[in-house]
Amino acid sequence: MEDVLFRNQDMQENAVVVAVKVVVEKGEKVVGFAFADVSTRRFGVCDFIDSDNFFNLEVALRARFSSGSLLSSEPLPKKL
């Protein structure tokens, strides 16, 4: 997998991992957002209330990462 991820020099300079979790609390969607930037050795976390169309999540992703993203449509199993 690393061969695929780091084939392009651009990918090595912008290696970032993002995790997103969505839960419903008191009838509102709460989005948890965390990222780790390997190149700058920075880690960030936040949570915020979002709408059904996840506009705030889109804004957060675009503000932090200008390039493309890969998203999983299925959650990870609870036990890895």
C-alpha atoms as a PDB file:
ATOM      1  CA  MET A   1       0.000   0.000   0.000  1.00  0.00           C
ATOM      2  CA  GLU A   2       2.846   2.411   0.751  1.00  0.00           C
ATOM      3  CA  ASP A   3       4.108   1.967  -2.807  1.00  0.00           C
ATOM      4  CA  VAL A   4       0.769   3.221  -4.105  1.00  0.00           C
ATOM      5  CA  LEU A   5       0.512   6.091  -1.615  1.00  0.00           C
ATOM      6  CA  PHE A   6       4.069   7.355  -1.995  1.00  0.00           C
ATOM      7  CA  ARG A   7       4.618   6.724  -5.708  1.00  0.00           C
ATOM      8  CA  ASN A   8       4.153  10.417  -6.390  1.00  0.00           C
ATOM      9  CA  GLN A   9       6.482  12.912  -4.645  1.00  0.00           C
ATOM     10  CA  ASP A  10       3.476  15.197  -4.045  1.00  0.00           C
ATOM     11  CA  MET A  11       1.888  12.515  -1.885  1.00  0.00           C
ATOM     12  CA  GLN A  12       5.005  12.262   0.289  1.00  0.00           C
ATOM     13  CA  GLU A  13       4.922  15.970   1.010  1.00  0.00           C
ATOM     14  CA  ASN A  14       1.212  15.972   1.903  1.00  0.00           C
ATOM     15  CA  ALA A  15       0.699  12.684   3.736  1.00  0.00           C
ATOM     16  CA  VAL A  16      -2.371  13.202   5.939  1.00  0.00           C
ATOM     17  CA  VAL A  17      -4.730  10.771   7.648  1.00  0.00           C
ATOM     18  CA  VAL A  18      -8.244  11.919   8.565  1.00  0.00           C
ATOM     19  CA  ALA A  19     -10.871  10.267  10.762  1.00  0.00           C
ATOM     20  CA  VAL A  20     -14.515  11.328  10.868  1.00  0.00           C
ATOM     21  CA  LYS A  21     -17.225  10.056  13.190  1.00  0.00           C
ATOM     22  CA  VAL A  22     -20.870  11.123  13.082  1.00  0.00           C
ATOM     23  CA  VAL A  23     -23.278  10.627  15.992  1.00  0.00           C
ATOM     24  CA  VAL A  24     -26.730  11.979  16.742  1.00  0.00           C
ATOM     25  CA  GLU A  25     -27.101  13.751  20.089  1.00  0.00           C
ATOM     26  CA  LYS A  26     -30.338  15.438  21.127  1.00  0.00           C
ATOM     27  CA  GLY A  27     -31.580  15.290  17.540  1.00  0.00           C
ATOM     28  CA  GLU A  28     -28.504  16.990  16.066  1.00  0.00           C
ATOM     29  CA  LYS A  29     -25.707  15.464  13.986  1.00  0.00           C
ATOM     30  CA  VAL A  30     -22.393  15.916  15.791  1.00  0.00           C
ATOM     31  CA  VAL A  31     -19.302  15.385  13.634  1.00  0.00           C
ATOM     32  CA  GLY A  32     -15.987  14.433  15.229  1.00  0.00           C
ATOM     33  CA  PHE A  33     -13.020  15.266  13.017  1.00  0.00           C
ATOM     34  CA  ALA A  34      -9.358  14.373  13.585  1.00  0.00           C
ATOM     35  CA  PHE A  35      -6.288  14.542  11.380  1.00  0.00           C
ATOM     36  CA  ALA A  36      -2.612  13.661  11.519  1.00  0.00           C
ATOM     37  CA  ASP A  37      -0.232  15.376   9.106  1.00  0.00           C
ATOM     38  CA  VAL A  38       2.884  13.239   8.752  1.00  0.00           C
ATOM     39  CA  SER A  39       4.941  15.846   6.924  1.00  0.00           C
ATOM     40  CA  THR A  40       4.439  18.610   9.518  1.00  0.00           C
ATOM     41  CA  ARG A  41       3.971  16.278  12.505  1.00  0.00           C
ATOM     42  CA  ARG A  42       0.741  18.016  13.474  1.00  0.00           C
ATOM     43  CA  PHE A  43      -2.360  16.455  14.964  1.00  0.00           C
ATOM     44  CA  GLY A  44      -5.725  18.159  15.307  1.00  0.00           C
ATOM     45  CA  VAL A  45      -9.172  17.268  16.637  1.00  0.00           C
ATOM     46  CA  CYS A  46     -12.503  19.051  16.793  1.00  0.00           C
ATOM     47  CA  ASP A  47     -16.219  18.401  16.879  1.00  0.00           C
ATOM     48  CA  PHE A  48     -19.101  20.444  15.551  1.00  0.00           C
ATOM     49  CA  ILE A  49     -22.805  20.278  14.822  1.00  0.00           C
ATOM     50  CA  ASP A  50     -23.661  19.738  11.161  1.00  0.00           C
ATOM     51  CA  SER A  51     -26.711  19.547   8.917  1.00  0.00           C
ATOM     52  CA  ASP A  52     -28.032  16.581   6.942  1.00  0.00           C
ATOM     53  CA  ASN A  53     -25.954  17.578   3.908  1.00  0.00           C
ATOM     54  CA  PHE A  54     -22.704  17.821   5.957  1.00  0.00           C
ATOM     55  CA  PHE A  55     -21.863  21.310   4.695  1.00  0.00           C
ATOM     56  CA  ASN A  56     -19.647  22.122   7.707  1.00  0.00           C
ATOM     57  CA  LEU A  57     -17.699  18.890   7.250  1.00  0.00           C
ATOM     58  CA  GLU A  58     -17.121  19.735   3.594  1.00  0.00           C
ATOM     59  CA  VAL A  59     -15.882  23.194   4.560  1.00  0.00           C
ATOM     60  CA  ALA A  60     -13.534  21.727   7.191  1.00  0.00           C
ATOM     61  CA  LEU A  61     -12.094  19.215   4.723  1.00  0.00           C
ATOM     62  CA  ARG A  62     -11.619  21.817   2.004  1.00  0.00           C
ATOM     63  CA  ALA A  63     -10.064  24.313   4.399  1.00  0.00           C
ATOM     64  CA  ARG A  64      -7.549  21.805   5.702  1.00  0.00           C
ATOM     65  CA  PHE A  65      -6.903  19.752   2.554  1.00  0.00           C
ATOM     66  CA  SER A  66      -7.062  21.230  -0.920  1.00  0.00           C
ATOM     67  CA  SER A  67      -6.373  17.970  -2.776  1.00  0.00           C
ATOM     68  CA  GLY A  68      -8.582  14.906  -3.201  1.00  0.00           C
ATOM     69  CA  SER A  69      -9.722  12.468  -0.548  1.00  0.00           C
ATOM     70  CA  LEU A  70     -10.608   8.793  -0.291  1.00  0.00           C
ATOM     71  CA  LEU A  71     -13.746   7.993   1.699  1.00  0.00           C
ATOM     72  CA  SER A  72     -14.998   4.656   2.941  1.00  0.00           C
ATOM     73  CA  SER A  73     -18.704   4.022   2.574  1.00  0.00           C
ATOM     74  CA  GLU A  74     -18.650   1.326   5.261  1.00  0.00           C
ATOM     75  CA  PRO A  75     -17.547   1.678   8.893  1.00  0.00           C
ATOM     76  CA  LEU A  76     -14.574  -0.238  10.207  1.00  0.00           C
ATOM     77  CA  PRO A  77     -15.308  -3.284  12.356  1.00  0.00           C
ATOM     78  CA  LYS A  78     -15.243  -2.551  16.098  1.00  0.00           C
ATOM     79  CA  LYS A  79     -12.445  -5.093  16.609  1.00  0.00           C
ATOM     80  CA  LEU A  80      -9.390  -4.793  14.380  1.00  0.00           C
END
